[in-house]
Amino acid sequence: MADSDFPGWHGTTIIGVKKGGQVVIAGDGQVSLGQTVIKGTARKVRRLSPGGFEVVAGFAGSTADAFTLLERLETKLEATPGQLARASVELAKDWRTDKYLQKLEAMLIVTDGKDLLVITGAGDVLEPEHNVAAIGSGGNFALAAARAMMDGDKPAEQVAREAMAIAADICVYTNGNLTVETI
């Protein structure tokens, strides 16, 4: 994506950790425009309940675009209740081929407690290796920190929280104001 296409919004680190029968998605609260923090308490992790099945989703990128994608995901999940992977693939196909959706600038991490998936606008639905996924400005920092902790005794939520704290210490577009959802 060319810099001229993007207005300079930065911010967000989202991490998903699957460990010990739990899946945790955590996200920070920072939204920045250039060098200015616009908001430090944004909530970028949501719990969805389409068709009575619990799903947790975290998003990085444009908020309006992410909400559009979350609404589409809910519609897909209502059509295929309890089948997160299938609904995610259907969303990714639409996102890749629909002229309107192609312009959306966001990424999603989703889980139903069994699957942990990353969905991108390039048509990818990825199940991460090592049971850790991270997206956003500080995603690589959080991913590295979480992977280093996965072999220890820490539960999923503690791994996610500590990885996010490390990312917040390194990435200027990430803060320590977390939203954490466990499923």
C-alpha atoms as a PDB file:
ATOM      1  CA  MET A   1       0.000   0.000   0.000  1.00  0.00           C
ATOM      2  CA  ALA A   2       1.429   3.379  -0.964  1.00  0.00           C
ATOM      3  CA  ASP A   3       1.883   6.002   1.750  1.00  0.00           C
ATOM      4  CA  SER A   4      -0.270   8.394  -0.291  1.00  0.00           C
ATOM      5  CA  ASP A   5      -3.224   5.976   0.049  1.00  0.00           C
ATOM      6  CA  PHE A   6      -3.061   5.899   3.829  1.00  0.00           C
ATOM      7  CA  PRO A   7      -3.835   8.997   5.948  1.00  0.00           C
ATOM      8  CA  GLY A   8      -1.157   8.256   8.541  1.00  0.00           C
ATOM      9  CA  TRP A   9      -3.235   6.436  11.155  1.00  0.00           C
ATOM     10  CA  HIS A  10      -1.198   4.067  13.248  1.00  0.00           C
ATOM     11  CA  GLY A  11      -1.868   2.146  16.346  1.00  0.00           C
ATOM     12  CA  THR A  12      -3.053  -1.085  17.728  1.00  0.00           C
ATOM     13  CA  THR A  13      -1.466  -4.289  18.672  1.00  0.00           C
ATOM     14  CA  ILE A  14      -3.677  -7.352  18.851  1.00  0.00           C
ATOM     15  CA  ILE A  15      -2.487 -10.746  20.058  1.00  0.00           C
ATOM     16  CA  GLY A  16      -4.176 -14.134  20.207  1.00  0.00           C
ATOM     17  CA  VAL A  17      -2.772 -16.877  22.433  1.00  0.00           C
ATOM     18  CA  LYS A  18      -4.046 -20.465  22.534  1.00  0.00           C
ATOM     19  CA  LYS A  19      -2.759 -22.450  25.502  1.00  0.00           C
ATOM     20  CA  GLY A  20      -4.032 -24.842  28.134  1.00  0.00           C
ATOM     21  CA  GLY A  21      -7.528 -25.173  26.697  1.00  0.00           C
ATOM     22  CA  GLN A  22      -8.071 -21.402  26.593  1.00  0.00           C
ATOM     23  CA  VAL A  23      -7.801 -18.839  23.845  1.00  0.00           C
ATOM     24  CA  VAL A  24      -7.189 -15.209  24.761  1.00  0.00           C
ATOM     25  CA  ILE A  25      -7.325 -12.207  22.472  1.00  0.00           C
ATOM     26  CA  ALA A  26      -5.892  -8.968  23.853  1.00  0.00           C
ATOM     27  CA  GLY A  27      -5.628  -5.555  22.264  1.00  0.00           C
ATOM     28  CA  ASP A  28      -4.240  -2.210  23.297  1.00  0.00           C
ATOM     29  CA  GLY A  29      -6.213   1.015  23.236  1.00  0.00           C
ATOM     30  CA  GLN A  30      -4.029   3.418  21.280  1.00  0.00           C
ATOM     31  CA  VAL A  31      -4.955   5.200  18.074  1.00  0.00           C
ATOM     32  CA  SER A  32      -2.378   7.621  16.684  1.00  0.00           C
ATOM     33  CA  LEU A  33      -2.357  10.121  13.837  1.00  0.00           C
ATOM     34  CA  GLY A  34       1.235  10.744  12.884  1.00  0.00           C
ATOM     35  CA  GLN A  35       3.061  11.525  16.109  1.00  0.00           C
ATOM     36  CA  THR A  36      -0.099  12.369  18.041  1.00  0.00           C
ATOM     37  CA  VAL A  37      -2.098   9.970  20.197  1.00  0.00           C
ATOM     38  CA  ILE A  38      -5.714  10.599  19.246  1.00  0.00           C
ATOM     39  CA  LYS A  39      -7.199   8.129  21.717  1.00  0.00           C
ATOM     40  CA  GLY A  40      -5.707   5.846  24.306  1.00  0.00           C
ATOM     41  CA  THR A  41      -8.796   3.879  25.331  1.00  0.00           C
ATOM     42  CA  ALA A  42     -10.124   2.420  22.081  1.00  0.00           C
ATOM     43  CA  ARG A  43     -11.709  -1.028  22.412  1.00  0.00           C
ATOM     44  CA  LYS A  44     -10.496  -3.211  19.560  1.00  0.00           C
ATOM     45  CA  VAL A  45     -11.408  -6.629  20.932  1.00  0.00           C
ATOM     46  CA  ARG A  46     -15.058  -7.664  20.743  1.00  0.00           C
ATOM     47  CA  ARG A  47     -17.183 -10.630  21.716  1.00  0.00           C
ATOM     48  CA  LEU A  48     -19.708 -11.714  19.072  1.00  0.00           C
ATOM     49  CA  SER A  49     -22.563 -14.208  19.502  1.00  0.00           C
ATOM     50  CA  PRO A  50     -23.952 -14.983  16.038  1.00  0.00           C
ATOM     51  CA  GLY A  51     -26.385 -17.887  16.109  1.00  0.00           C
ATOM     52  CA  GLY A  52     -25.689 -18.432  19.801  1.00  0.00           C
ATOM     53  CA  PHE A  53     -22.030 -19.388  19.251  1.00  0.00           C
ATOM     54  CA  GLU A  54     -19.407 -17.298  21.057  1.00  0.00           C
ATOM     55  CA  VAL A  55     -16.646 -15.756  18.940  1.00  0.00           C
ATOM     56  CA  VAL A  56     -13.998 -13.264  20.023  1.00  0.00           C
ATOM     57  CA  ALA A  57     -12.483 -10.928  17.429  1.00  0.00           C
ATOM     58  CA  GLY A  58      -9.708  -8.350  17.567  1.00  0.00           C
ATOM     59  CA  PHE A  59      -8.938  -5.895  14.801  1.00  0.00           C
ATOM     60  CA  ALA A  60      -6.123  -3.675  13.630  1.00  0.00           C
ATOM     61  CA  GLY A  61      -6.522  -0.969  11.040  1.00  0.00           C
ATOM     62  CA  SER A  62      -9.331   1.411  10.252  1.00  0.00           C
ATOM     63  CA  THR A  63     -12.109   1.148  12.818  1.00  0.00           C
ATOM     64  CA  ALA A  64     -14.927   1.735  10.341  1.00  0.00           C
ATOM     65  CA  ASP A  65     -13.443  -0.842   7.988  1.00  0.00           C
ATOM     66  CA  ALA A  66     -13.019  -3.346  10.822  1.00  0.00           C
ATOM     67  CA  PHE A  67     -16.638  -2.901  11.934  1.00  0.00           C
ATOM     68  CA  THR A  68     -17.770  -3.506   8.361  1.00  0.00           C
ATOM     69  CA  LEU A  69     -15.744  -6.720   8.329  1.00  0.00           C
ATOM     70  CA  LEU A  70     -17.043  -7.809  11.734  1.00  0.00           C
ATOM     71  CA  GLU A  71     -20.629  -7.307  10.533  1.00  0.00           C
ATOM     72  CA  ARG A  72     -19.876  -9.389   7.434  1.00  0.00           C
ATOM     73  CA  LEU A  73     -18.257 -12.074   9.587  1.00  0.00           C
ATOM     74  CA  GLU A  74     -21.345 -12.187  11.816  1.00  0.00           C
ATOM     75  CA  THR A  75     -23.520 -12.654   8.728  1.00  0.00           C
ATOM     76  CA  LYS A  76     -21.282 -15.494   7.526  1.00  0.00           C
ATOM     77  CA  LEU A  77     -21.375 -17.104  10.976  1.00  0.00           C
ATOM     78  CA  GLU A  78     -25.173 -16.909  11.077  1.00  0.00           C
ATOM     79  CA  ALA A  79     -25.246 -18.741   7.733  1.00  0.00           C
ATOM     80  CA  THR A  80     -22.787 -21.399   8.994  1.00  0.00           C
ATOM     81  CA  PRO A  81     -23.383 -21.639  12.765  1.00  0.00           C
ATOM     82  CA  GLY A  82     -20.462 -22.994  14.753  1.00  0.00           C
ATOM     83  CA  GLN A  83     -18.159 -23.123  11.716  1.00  0.00           C
ATOM     84  CA  LEU A  84     -15.676 -20.296  12.255  1.00  0.00           C
ATOM     85  CA  ALA A  85     -13.120 -21.548   9.730  1.00  0.00           C
ATOM     86  CA  ARG A  86     -15.723 -21.840   6.975  1.00  0.00           C
ATOM     87  CA  ALA A  87     -17.220 -18.421   7.740  1.00  0.00           C
ATOM     88  CA  SER A  88     -13.714 -16.914   7.790  1.00  0.00           C
ATOM     89  CA  VAL A  89     -12.855 -18.383   4.386  1.00  0.00           C
ATOM     90  CA  GLU A  90     -16.131 -17.056   2.964  1.00  0.00           C
ATOM     91  CA  LEU A  91     -15.366 -13.589   4.396  1.00  0.00           C
ATOM     92  CA  ALA A  92     -11.826 -13.665   2.985  1.00  0.00           C
ATOM     93  CA  LYS A  93     -13.158 -14.648  -0.465  1.00  0.00           C
ATOM     94  CA  ASP A  94     -15.639 -11.768  -0.429  1.00  0.00           C
ATOM     95  CA  TRP A  95     -12.996  -9.363   0.885  1.00  0.00           C
ATOM     96  CA  ARG A  96     -10.620 -10.348  -1.894  1.00  0.00           C
ATOM     97  CA  THR A  97     -13.122 -10.205  -4.768  1.00  0.00           C
ATOM     98  CA  ASP A  98     -15.702  -7.522  -3.883  1.00  0.00           C
ATOM     99  CA  LYS A  99     -14.758  -4.078  -5.257  1.00  0.00           C
ATOM    100  CA  TYR A 100     -16.070  -2.281  -2.166  1.00  0.00           C
ATOM    101  CA  LEU A 101     -14.505  -4.642   0.363  1.00  0.00           C
ATOM    102  CA  GLN A 102     -11.128  -4.641  -1.434  1.00  0.00           C
ATOM    103  CA  LYS A 103     -10.566  -1.078  -0.267  1.00  0.00           C
ATOM    104  CA  LEU A 104     -10.991  -1.930   3.426  1.00  0.00           C
ATOM    105  CA  GLU A 105      -7.819  -1.481   5.481  1.00  0.00           C
ATOM    106  CA  ALA A 106      -7.928  -3.813   8.473  1.00  0.00           C
ATOM    107  CA  MET A 107      -6.915  -7.258   9.713  1.00  0.00           C
ATOM    108  CA  LEU A 108      -8.730  -9.567  12.103  1.00  0.00           C
ATOM    109  CA  ILE A 109      -7.781 -12.204  14.658  1.00  0.00           C
ATOM    110  CA  VAL A 110     -10.771 -14.408  15.499  1.00  0.00           C
ATOM    111  CA  THR A 111     -11.403 -17.401  17.731  1.00  0.00           C
ATOM    112  CA  ASP A 112     -14.257 -19.620  18.822  1.00  0.00           C
ATOM    113  CA  GLY A 113     -12.171 -21.270  21.531  1.00  0.00           C
ATOM    114  CA  LYS A 114     -11.101 -24.074  19.201  1.00  0.00           C
ATOM    115  CA  ASP A 115      -9.670 -22.285  16.176  1.00  0.00           C
ATOM    116  CA  LEU A 116      -7.414 -19.227  16.261  1.00  0.00           C
ATOM    117  CA  LEU A 117      -7.335 -17.511  12.863  1.00  0.00           C
ATOM    118  CA  VAL A 118      -5.919 -14.399  11.198  1.00  0.00           C
ATOM    119  CA  ILE A 119      -8.026 -13.008   8.342  1.00  0.00           C
ATOM    120  CA  THR A 120      -6.504 -10.556   5.845  1.00  0.00           C
ATOM    121  CA  GLY A 121      -7.686  -8.568   2.854  1.00  0.00           C
ATOM    122  CA  ALA A 122      -5.295 -10.516   0.645  1.00  0.00           C
ATOM    123  CA  GLY A 123      -7.645 -13.487   0.963  1.00  0.00           C
ATOM    124  CA  ASP A 124      -5.647 -15.216   3.687  1.00  0.00           C
ATOM    125  CA  VAL A 125      -7.142 -17.223   6.522  1.00  0.00           C
ATOM    126  CA  LEU A 126      -4.166 -18.315   8.566  1.00  0.00           C
ATOM    127  CA  GLU A 127      -3.976 -20.669  11.509  1.00  0.00           C
ATOM    128  CA  PRO A 128      -0.786 -19.529  13.229  1.00  0.00           C
ATOM    129  CA  GLU A 129       2.063 -21.810  14.103  1.00  0.00           C
ATOM    130  CA  HIS A 130       2.963 -22.110  17.773  1.00  0.00           C
ATOM    131  CA  ASN A 131      -0.602 -21.090  18.806  1.00  0.00           C
ATOM    132  CA  VAL A 132       0.197 -17.359  18.782  1.00  0.00           C
ATOM    133  CA  ALA A 133      -1.002 -14.726  16.321  1.00  0.00           C
ATOM    134  CA  ALA A 134      -0.369 -10.982  16.402  1.00  0.00           C
ATOM    135  CA  ILE A 135      -1.250  -8.088  14.119  1.00  0.00           C
ATOM    136  CA  GLY A 136      -0.889  -4.336  14.079  1.00  0.00           C
ATOM    137  CA  SER A 137       1.891  -1.861  14.669  1.00  0.00           C
ATOM    138  CA  GLY A 138       3.444  -3.744  17.572  1.00  0.00           C
ATOM    139  CA  GLY A 139       2.362  -7.176  16.388  1.00  0.00           C
ATOM    140  CA  ASN A 140       5.834  -8.526  15.693  1.00  0.00           C
ATOM    141  CA  PHE A 141       7.079  -7.433  19.124  1.00  0.00           C
ATOM    142  CA  ALA A 142       4.125  -9.065  20.874  1.00  0.00           C
ATOM    143  CA  LEU A 143       4.455 -12.199  18.744  1.00  0.00           C
ATOM    144  CA  ALA A 144       8.143 -12.635  19.585  1.00  0.00           C
ATOM    145  CA  ALA A 145       7.538 -12.048  23.291  1.00  0.00           C
ATOM    146  CA  ALA A 146       4.624 -14.497  23.446  1.00  0.00           C
ATOM    147  CA  ARG A 147       6.469 -17.189  21.538  1.00  0.00           C
ATOM    148  CA  ALA A 148       9.342 -16.923  24.011  1.00  0.00           C
ATOM    149  CA  MET A 149       6.899 -17.582  26.878  1.00  0.00           C
ATOM    150  CA  MET A 150       4.829 -20.401  25.349  1.00  0.00           C
ATOM    151  CA  ASP A 151       6.957 -23.274  26.678  1.00  0.00           C
ATOM    152  CA  GLY A 152       6.713 -22.042  30.271  1.00  0.00           C
ATOM    153  CA  ASP A 153       4.012 -22.575  32.879  1.00  0.00           C
ATOM    154  CA  LYS A 154       2.213 -19.258  32.370  1.00  0.00           C
ATOM    155  CA  PRO A 155      -1.465 -19.498  31.366  1.00  0.00           C
ATOM    156  CA  ALA A 156      -2.687 -18.002  28.075  1.00  0.00           C
ATOM    157  CA  GLU A 157      -3.943 -14.755  29.599  1.00  0.00           C
ATOM    158  CA  GLN A 158      -0.673 -14.060  31.410  1.00  0.00           C
ATOM    159  CA  VAL A 159       1.315 -14.761  28.228  1.00  0.00           C
ATOM    160  CA  ALA A 160      -0.905 -12.338  26.294  1.00  0.00           C
ATOM    161  CA  ARG A 161      -0.726  -9.611  28.936  1.00  0.00           C
ATOM    162  CA  GLU A 162       3.056  -9.843  29.341  1.00  0.00           C
ATOM    163  CA  ALA A 163       3.618  -9.940  25.567  1.00  0.00           C
ATOM    164  CA  MET A 164       1.456  -6.838  25.179  1.00  0.00           C
ATOM    165  CA  ALA A 165       3.405  -5.068  27.947  1.00  0.00           C
ATOM    166  CA  ILE A 166       6.650  -5.800  26.116  1.00  0.00           C
ATOM    167  CA  ALA A 167       5.184  -4.549  22.827  1.00  0.00           C
ATOM    168  CA  ALA A 168       3.977  -1.361  24.561  1.00  0.00           C
ATOM    169  CA  ASP A 169       7.493  -0.763  25.899  1.00  0.00           C
ATOM    170  CA  ILE A 170       8.985  -1.046  22.393  1.00  0.00           C
ATOM    171  CA  CYS A 171       6.356   0.234  19.929  1.00  0.00           C
ATOM    172  CA  VAL A 172       5.372   3.903  20.193  1.00  0.00           C
ATOM    173  CA  TYR A 173       2.029   3.068  18.541  1.00  0.00           C
ATOM    174  CA  THR A 174       1.048   0.621  21.299  1.00  0.00           C
ATOM    175  CA  ASN A 175      -0.055   1.419  24.861  1.00  0.00           C
ATOM    176  CA  GLY A 176      -0.714  -0.628  27.974  1.00  0.00           C
ATOM    177  CA  ASN A 177      -4.467   0.010  28.138  1.00  0.00           C
ATOM    178  CA  LEU A 178      -5.675  -3.530  27.368  1.00  0.00           C
ATOM    179  CA  THR A 179      -8.954  -5.133  26.476  1.00  0.00           C
ATOM    180  CA  VAL A 180      -8.722  -8.879  27.097  1.00  0.00           C
ATOM    181  CA  GLU A 181     -11.322 -11.500  26.170  1.00  0.00           C
ATOM    182  CA  THR A 182     -10.989 -15.199  27.013  1.00  0.00           C
ATOM    183  CA  ILE A 183     -12.956 -18.037  25.494  1.00  0.00           C
END
